[in-house]
């Protein structure tokens, strides 16, 4: 079976990150949010926006 080197790298990085936080999803997400805020990149939200009442 052919292995995509990019997919393999992503999986390796994901595993190392999970291991770093003892596979605790809350700690993993807290770290991701902290790094996201520190990056100063724009964050895109796909949340559904509620329409304003036109009355």
C-alpha atoms as a PDB file:
ATOM      1  CA  UNK A   1       0.000   0.000   0.000  1.00  0.00           C
ATOM      2  CA  UNK A   2       1.265   3.478  -0.915  1.00  0.00           C
ATOM      3  CA  UNK A   3       1.873   5.854   1.996  1.00  0.00           C
ATOM      4  CA  UNK A   4       1.570   9.595   1.636  1.00  0.00           C
ATOM      5  CA  UNK A   5       4.584  11.238   3.328  1.00  0.00           C
ATOM      6  CA  UNK A   6       2.554  14.317   4.283  1.00  0.00           C
ATOM      7  CA  UNK A   7      -0.126  12.207   5.973  1.00  0.00           C
ATOM      8  CA  UNK A   8       2.571  10.247   7.777  1.00  0.00           C
ATOM      9  CA  UNK A   9       4.184  13.465   9.015  1.00  0.00           C
ATOM     10  CA  UNK A  10       0.845  14.831  10.243  1.00  0.00           C
ATOM     11  CA  UNK A  11       0.101  11.586  12.089  1.00  0.00           C
ATOM     12  CA  UNK A  12       3.566  11.543  13.650  1.00  0.00           C
ATOM     13  CA  UNK A  13       3.193  15.148  14.817  1.00  0.00           C
ATOM     14  CA  UNK A  14      -0.316  14.510  16.151  1.00  0.00           C
ATOM     15  CA  UNK A  15       0.876  11.468  18.104  1.00  0.00           C
ATOM     16  CA  UNK A  16       3.837  13.372  19.579  1.00  0.00           C
ATOM     17  CA  UNK A  17       1.551  16.231  20.628  1.00  0.00           C
ATOM     18  CA  UNK A  18      -0.966  13.849  22.209  1.00  0.00           C
ATOM     19  CA  UNK A  19       1.800  12.044  24.081  1.00  0.00           C
ATOM     20  CA  UNK A  20       3.177  15.391  25.317  1.00  0.00           C
ATOM     21  CA  UNK A  21      -0.151  16.034  27.088  1.00  0.00           C
ATOM     22  CA  UNK A  22      -0.683  12.434  28.247  1.00  0.00           C
ATOM     23  CA  UNK A  23      -3.499  12.032  25.681  1.00  0.00           C
ATOM     24  CA  UNK A  24      -5.653  14.489  27.687  1.00  0.00           C
ATOM     25  CA  UNK A  25      -7.904  16.126  25.084  1.00  0.00           C
ATOM     26  CA  UNK A  26      -8.663  19.129  27.317  1.00  0.00           C
ATOM     27  CA  UNK A  27      -4.950  19.903  27.721  1.00  0.00           C
ATOM     28  CA  UNK A  28      -4.335  19.369  24.002  1.00  0.00           C
ATOM     29  CA  UNK A  29      -7.110  21.813  23.075  1.00  0.00           C
ATOM     30  CA  UNK A  30      -6.040  24.364  25.694  1.00  0.00           C
ATOM     31  CA  UNK A  31      -2.547  24.314  24.205  1.00  0.00           C
ATOM     32  CA  UNK A  32      -3.910  24.653  20.656  1.00  0.00           C
ATOM     33  CA  UNK A  33      -6.031  27.655  21.659  1.00  0.00           C
ATOM     34  CA  UNK A  34      -3.071  29.286  23.406  1.00  0.00           C
ATOM     35  CA  UNK A  35      -0.860  28.812  20.338  1.00  0.00           C
ATOM     36  CA  UNK A  36      -3.655  30.076  18.095  1.00  0.00           C
ATOM     37  CA  UNK A  37      -4.000  33.304  20.105  1.00  0.00           C
ATOM     38  CA  UNK A  38      -0.230  33.822  20.166  1.00  0.00           C
ATOM     39  CA  UNK A  39       0.080  33.396  16.395  1.00  0.00           C
ATOM     40  CA  UNK A  40      -1.762  36.663  15.593  1.00  0.00           C
ATOM     41  CA  UNK A  41      -3.263  35.022  12.505  1.00  0.00           C
ATOM     42  CA  UNK A  42      -6.865  35.662  11.580  1.00  0.00           C
ATOM     43  CA  UNK A  43      -9.179  32.892  12.712  1.00  0.00           C
ATOM     44  CA  UNK A  44     -12.067  31.908  10.469  1.00  0.00           C
ATOM     45  CA  UNK A  45     -15.278  30.850  12.143  1.00  0.00           C
ATOM     46  CA  UNK A  46     -17.788  28.669  10.364  1.00  0.00           C
ATOM     47  CA  UNK A  47     -20.422  29.216  13.034  1.00  0.00           C
ATOM     48  CA  UNK A  48     -23.888  29.881  11.661  1.00  0.00           C
ATOM     49  CA  UNK A  49     -24.797  33.526  12.088  1.00  0.00           C
ATOM     50  CA  UNK A  50     -28.295  34.327  13.262  1.00  0.00           C
ATOM     51  CA  UNK A  51     -30.219  36.674  10.996  1.00  0.00           C
ATOM     52  CA  UNK A  52     -31.324  39.984  12.448  1.00  0.00           C
ATOM     53  CA  UNK A  53     -35.028  40.360  13.019  1.00  0.00           C
ATOM     54  CA  UNK A  54     -36.297  42.653  10.227  1.00  0.00           C
ATOM     55  CA  UNK A  55     -39.353  43.859  12.182  1.00  0.00           C
END
